[in-house]
Amino acid sequence: MFTTAIAGVISITAAAIFSFSMLSKMVERMVSLSVGIMLSTCFLHALPEAFESKADTHALFALLLGSLLGFFLLEKFAILRHSHHHEDDGHHHAHGHDAHQAGKSGWMILVGDGMHNFTDGILIAAAFLANPQLGIVTGLAIIAHEIPQEIGDFIVLLNAGFTRRRAYMYNLLSSLMAVVGGVLGYYTLESASNLIPYVLVIASSGFIYIAVSDLMPQMQRRATLKETIPQIILIGLGVLIVVYLTGQHTH
């Protein structure tokens, strides 16, 4: 409960600070750090933990493949259903049309975030039940990837007419769904511990998909040597943070 609550509060507060002060360079740096943390959490800890269990290896690989394809389809569906734009963006609509659309998208963002946070809570619970250290790094990985995402959400909410205070408070309430998911996941998975490896694989596929399909392409748009060197350093830093926090030693 503490980890899910802290993960929500930290990510929302940091996103609000970055959004309201427009520290775009810091946001770009956070993306690189997120990639290192998320991928190392998956490949050094969550997936080994799942595959070293008594669960069927072929079933776990099939679930990993299915989950990756599932996230691809979910994103496709989301892209087809949503189109965010601003008033006076050059499209020909009746006056106030864009503000009305932005208002609807603001509430959709909050509902979607609530469901997403609920799922994050379940994943953190599964990680803690598998291994307390894995629970901590999973919480850290969620914080790292939530901050850039929440910044985008804040921009949508402000465009939808929310004040800064309302945007922050509603986002904070949405983040508390992670606590609900964490409590439910803990008591459900504790009595069905054989499901934990499968939940860890689904969590890992989500992290891998976000890192590879969303965050890395953003980094590739900044291809100069001056921009690439900090990216590599921060990815490495993300990996080292996870290794240090879990006491993982490579051979």
Protein backbone atom coordinates (compact mmCIF):
# COMPACT_ATOMS: atom_id res chain seq x y z
CA MET A 1 0.00 0.00 0.00
CA PHE A 2 2.82 2.36 0.90
CA THR A 3 4.68 1.70 -2.37
CA THR A 4 1.58 2.12 -4.55
CA ALA A 5 0.59 5.35 -2.76
CA ILE A 6 4.12 6.79 -2.89
CA ALA A 7 4.52 5.80 -6.55
CA GLY A 8 1.34 7.73 -7.39
CA VAL A 9 2.14 10.81 -5.31
CA ILE A 10 5.74 11.09 -6.54
CA SER A 11 4.90 10.61 -10.23
CA ILE A 12 1.94 13.02 -10.14
CA THR A 13 3.82 15.69 -8.18
CA ALA A 14 6.95 15.46 -10.33
CA ALA A 15 4.84 15.58 -13.51
CA ALA A 16 2.99 18.65 -12.19
CA ILE A 17 6.27 20.44 -11.40
CA PHE A 18 7.67 19.66 -14.85
CA SER A 19 4.41 20.54 -16.63
CA PHE A 20 3.79 23.81 -14.84
CA SER A 21 7.38 25.00 -15.13
CA MET A 22 7.85 23.52 -18.63
CA LEU A 23 11.25 21.99 -17.90
CA SER A 24 11.27 20.22 -21.25
CA LYS A 25 14.94 19.22 -21.07
CA MET A 26 14.32 17.45 -17.77
CA VAL A 27 11.42 15.57 -19.35
CA GLU A 28 13.63 14.41 -22.23
CA ARG A 29 16.22 13.18 -19.73
CA MET A 30 13.53 11.32 -17.75
CA VAL A 31 12.61 9.36 -20.90
CA SER A 32 16.17 7.99 -21.25
CA LEU A 33 16.36 7.11 -17.55
CA SER A 34 12.97 5.36 -17.80
CA VAL A 35 14.20 3.10 -20.61
CA GLY A 36 17.16 1.91 -18.53
CA ILE A 37 15.04 1.30 -15.42
CA MET A 38 12.16 -0.42 -17.21
CA LEU A 39 14.20 -2.76 -19.40
CA SER A 40 16.58 -3.78 -16.61
CA THR A 41 13.65 -4.40 -14.25
CA CYS A 42 12.13 -6.75 -16.86
CA PHE A 43 15.21 -8.61 -18.10
CA LEU A 44 17.28 -8.77 -14.91
CA HIS A 45 14.51 -9.43 -12.40
CA ALA A 46 10.82 -9.83 -13.32
CA LEU A 47 11.26 -12.29 -16.21
CA PRO A 48 13.96 -14.41 -14.49
CA GLU A 49 11.71 -14.54 -11.41
CA ALA A 50 8.81 -15.78 -13.56
CA PHE A 51 10.83 -18.31 -15.58
CA GLU A 52 12.60 -19.74 -12.53
CA SER A 53 9.21 -20.60 -11.02
CA LYS A 54 7.40 -23.91 -11.53
CA ALA A 55 5.22 -22.41 -14.24
CA ASP A 56 5.36 -23.94 -17.73
CA THR A 57 8.09 -22.16 -19.73
CA HIS A 58 6.32 -22.53 -23.08
CA ALA A 59 3.13 -21.06 -21.61
CA LEU A 60 5.07 -18.09 -20.22
CA PHE A 61 6.72 -17.39 -23.59
CA ALA A 62 3.34 -17.68 -25.33
CA LEU A 63 1.87 -15.23 -22.81
CA LEU A 64 4.78 -12.83 -23.37
CA LEU A 65 4.17 -12.91 -27.13
CA GLY A 66 0.40 -12.57 -26.73
CA SER A 67 0.76 -9.68 -24.27
CA LEU A 68 3.13 -7.75 -26.56
CA LEU A 69 0.71 -8.16 -29.47
CA GLY A 70 -2.18 -7.28 -27.16
CA PHE A 71 -0.55 -4.01 -26.12
CA PHE A 72 0.07 -3.23 -29.80
CA LEU A 73 -3.64 -3.73 -30.58
CA LEU A 74 -4.74 -1.72 -27.54
CA GLU A 75 -2.53 1.17 -28.64
CA LYS A 76 -3.88 0.92 -32.18
CA PHE A 77 -7.42 1.10 -30.83
CA ALA A 78 -6.53 4.09 -28.63
CA ILE A 79 -4.90 5.93 -31.54
CA LEU A 80 -7.92 5.32 -33.77
CA ARG A 81 -10.35 6.51 -31.09
CA HIS A 82 -8.50 9.63 -29.90
CA SER A 83 -7.44 12.78 -31.71
CA HIS A 84 -6.36 15.64 -29.49
CA HIS A 85 -6.08 19.09 -31.00
CA HIS A 86 -6.26 22.71 -29.88
CA GLU A 87 -8.61 25.59 -30.61
CA ASP A 88 -7.58 27.49 -33.76
CA ASP A 89 -5.38 24.61 -34.95
CA GLY A 90 -6.29 25.24 -38.57
CA HIS A 91 -9.12 22.68 -38.73
CA HIS A 92 -12.53 24.08 -39.66
CA HIS A 93 -14.95 23.51 -36.76
CA ALA A 94 -17.72 25.53 -35.21
CA HIS A 95 -16.52 27.96 -32.53
CA GLY A 96 -15.96 26.18 -29.23
CA HIS A 97 -15.83 22.74 -30.88
CA ASP A 98 -12.20 22.15 -29.91
CA ALA A 99 -12.75 23.29 -26.32
CA HIS A 100 -15.69 20.89 -26.08
CA GLN A 101 -13.61 18.05 -27.52
CA ALA A 102 -10.74 18.89 -25.16
CA GLY A 103 -13.13 18.83 -22.22
CA LYS A 104 -14.29 15.33 -23.16
CA SER A 105 -10.73 14.15 -23.71
CA GLY A 106 -9.78 15.50 -20.27
CA TRP A 107 -12.33 13.27 -18.52
CA MET A 108 -11.41 10.32 -20.75
CA ILE A 109 -7.77 10.78 -19.76
CA LEU A 110 -8.73 10.63 -16.06
CA VAL A 111 -10.86 7.49 -16.49
CA GLY A 112 -8.16 5.78 -18.54
CA ASP A 113 -5.50 6.77 -16.02
CA GLY A 114 -7.57 5.37 -13.17
CA MET A 115 -7.81 1.99 -14.90
CA HIS A 116 -4.10 2.07 -15.76
CA ASN A 117 -3.16 2.91 -12.15
CA PHE A 118 -5.40 0.12 -10.86
CA THR A 119 -3.48 -2.34 -13.05
CA ASP A 120 -0.14 -0.91 -11.85
CA GLY A 121 -1.23 -1.57 -8.28
CA ILE A 122 -1.91 -5.25 -9.07
CA LEU A 123 1.50 -5.54 -10.77
CA ILE A 124 3.30 -4.02 -7.76
CA ALA A 125 1.46 -6.45 -5.45
CA ALA A 126 2.47 -9.41 -7.63
CA ALA A 127 6.10 -8.25 -7.64
CA PHE A 128 6.17 -7.90 -3.83
CA LEU A 129 4.65 -11.36 -3.38
CA ALA A 130 7.34 -12.82 -5.66
CA ASN A 131 10.21 -10.91 -4.05
CA PRO A 132 10.21 -7.70 -1.91
CA GLN A 133 13.23 -6.33 -3.83
CA LEU A 134 11.41 -6.92 -7.10
CA GLY A 135 8.43 -5.03 -5.65
CA ILE A 136 10.62 -2.01 -4.93
CA VAL A 137 12.21 -1.87 -8.40
CA THR A 138 8.81 -2.45 -10.05
CA GLY A 139 7.46 0.55 -8.12
CA LEU A 140 10.51 2.55 -9.23
CA ALA A 141 10.01 1.51 -12.86
CA ILE A 142 6.36 2.55 -12.71
CA ILE A 143 7.30 5.96 -11.24
CA ALA A 144 9.93 6.46 -13.96
CA HIS A 145 7.59 5.75 -16.87
CA GLU A 146 4.57 7.46 -15.30
CA ILE A 147 6.23 10.89 -15.03
CA PRO A 148 6.57 11.53 -18.81
CA GLN A 149 3.07 10.06 -19.38
CA GLU A 150 1.51 12.18 -16.63
CA ILE A 151 3.12 15.31 -18.09
CA GLY A 152 1.24 14.64 -21.33
CA ASP A 153 -1.94 14.09 -19.31
CA PHE A 154 -1.50 17.40 -17.49
CA ILE A 155 -1.15 19.22 -20.81
CA VAL A 156 -4.41 17.63 -22.05
CA LEU A 157 -6.23 18.53 -18.80
CA LEU A 158 -5.02 22.14 -18.88
CA ASN A 159 -6.10 22.36 -22.53
CA ALA A 160 -9.48 20.95 -21.44
CA GLY A 161 -10.02 23.94 -19.16
CA PHE A 162 -8.93 22.43 -15.83
CA THR A 163 -7.12 24.80 -13.47
CA ARG A 164 -3.67 23.69 -12.32
CA ARG A 165 -5.05 22.86 -8.87
CA ARG A 166 -7.98 20.83 -10.26
CA ALA A 167 -5.73 19.00 -12.73
CA TYR A 168 -3.37 18.08 -9.90
CA MET A 169 -6.13 16.98 -7.48
CA TYR A 170 -8.01 14.87 -10.06
CA ASN A 171 -4.78 13.23 -11.21
CA LEU A 172 -3.86 12.52 -7.59
CA LEU A 173 -7.26 10.90 -6.96
CA SER A 174 -6.82 8.84 -10.11
CA SER A 175 -3.41 7.67 -8.88
CA LEU A 176 -4.99 6.31 -5.66
CA MET A 177 -6.62 3.60 -7.80
CA ALA A 178 -3.15 1.99 -7.66
CA VAL A 179 -3.66 1.48 -3.90
CA VAL A 180 -7.02 -0.22 -4.57
CA GLY A 181 -5.39 -2.45 -7.19
CA GLY A 182 -2.48 -3.19 -4.86
CA VAL A 183 -4.72 -4.31 -1.98
CA LEU A 184 -6.93 -6.40 -4.28
CA GLY A 185 -3.91 -7.92 -6.01
CA TYR A 186 -2.20 -8.75 -2.72
CA TYR A 187 -5.13 -10.66 -1.24
CA THR A 188 -6.12 -12.30 -4.54
CA LEU A 189 -2.63 -13.39 -5.60
CA GLU A 190 -1.61 -14.45 -2.09
CA SER A 191 -4.24 -17.19 -2.25
CA ALA A 192 -3.36 -17.99 -5.87
CA SER A 193 0.43 -17.76 -5.84
CA ASN A 194 0.67 -19.90 -9.00
CA LEU A 195 -0.66 -16.88 -10.95
CA ILE A 196 2.22 -14.59 -9.89
CA PRO A 197 4.67 -15.69 -12.67
CA TYR A 198 2.00 -14.98 -15.30
CA VAL A 199 1.25 -11.52 -13.87
CA LEU A 200 5.00 -10.75 -13.85
CA VAL A 201 5.23 -11.73 -17.54
CA ILE A 202 2.28 -9.48 -18.44
CA ALA A 203 3.84 -6.62 -16.43
CA SER A 204 7.17 -7.15 -18.19
CA SER A 205 5.55 -7.17 -21.63
CA GLY A 206 3.92 -3.82 -20.82
CA PHE A 207 7.24 -2.30 -19.73
CA ILE A 208 9.05 -3.69 -22.79
CA TYR A 209 6.35 -2.46 -25.17
CA ILE A 210 6.32 1.05 -23.68
CA ALA A 211 10.13 1.28 -23.74
CA VAL A 212 10.62 -0.09 -27.27
CA SER A 213 7.58 1.30 -29.11
CA ASP A 214 7.11 4.65 -27.36
CA LEU A 215 10.14 5.90 -25.44
CA MET A 216 13.00 4.71 -27.66
CA PRO A 217 11.49 6.18 -30.87
CA GLN A 218 11.27 9.54 -29.05
CA MET A 219 14.98 9.28 -28.27
CA GLN A 220 15.84 8.32 -31.86
CA ARG A 221 14.43 11.64 -33.09
CA ARG A 222 17.38 13.32 -31.35
CA ALA A 223 20.14 11.60 -33.26
CA THR A 224 23.07 14.03 -32.91
CA LEU A 225 26.14 12.92 -30.97
CA LYS A 226 25.60 15.74 -28.46
CA GLU A 227 22.13 14.38 -27.64
CA THR A 228 22.99 10.67 -27.94
CA ILE A 229 25.79 10.63 -25.32
CA PRO A 230 23.53 11.84 -22.44
CA GLN A 231 20.89 9.30 -23.53
CA ILE A 232 23.37 6.41 -23.31
CA ILE A 233 24.68 7.62 -19.95
CA LEU A 234 21.16 7.91 -18.51
CA ILE A 235 20.09 4.48 -19.82
CA GLY A 236 23.19 3.05 -18.13
CA LEU A 237 22.36 4.98 -14.95
CA GLY A 238 18.85 3.49 -14.98
CA VAL A 239 20.32 -0.03 -15.24
CA LEU A 240 22.79 0.68 -12.41
CA ILE A 241 20.01 1.99 -10.15
CA VAL A 242 18.05 -1.26 -10.55
CA VAL A 243 21.19 -3.40 -10.10
CA TYR A 244 22.16 -1.46 -6.97
CA LEU A 245 18.69 -1.56 -5.41
CA THR A 246 18.36 -5.31 -5.85
CA GLY A 247 21.94 -6.34 -5.19
CA GLN A 248 22.04 -8.02 -8.59
CA HIS A 249 25.54 -9.10 -9.64
CA THR A 250 26.43 -9.98 -13.21
CA HIS A 251 28.94 -12.74 -13.83
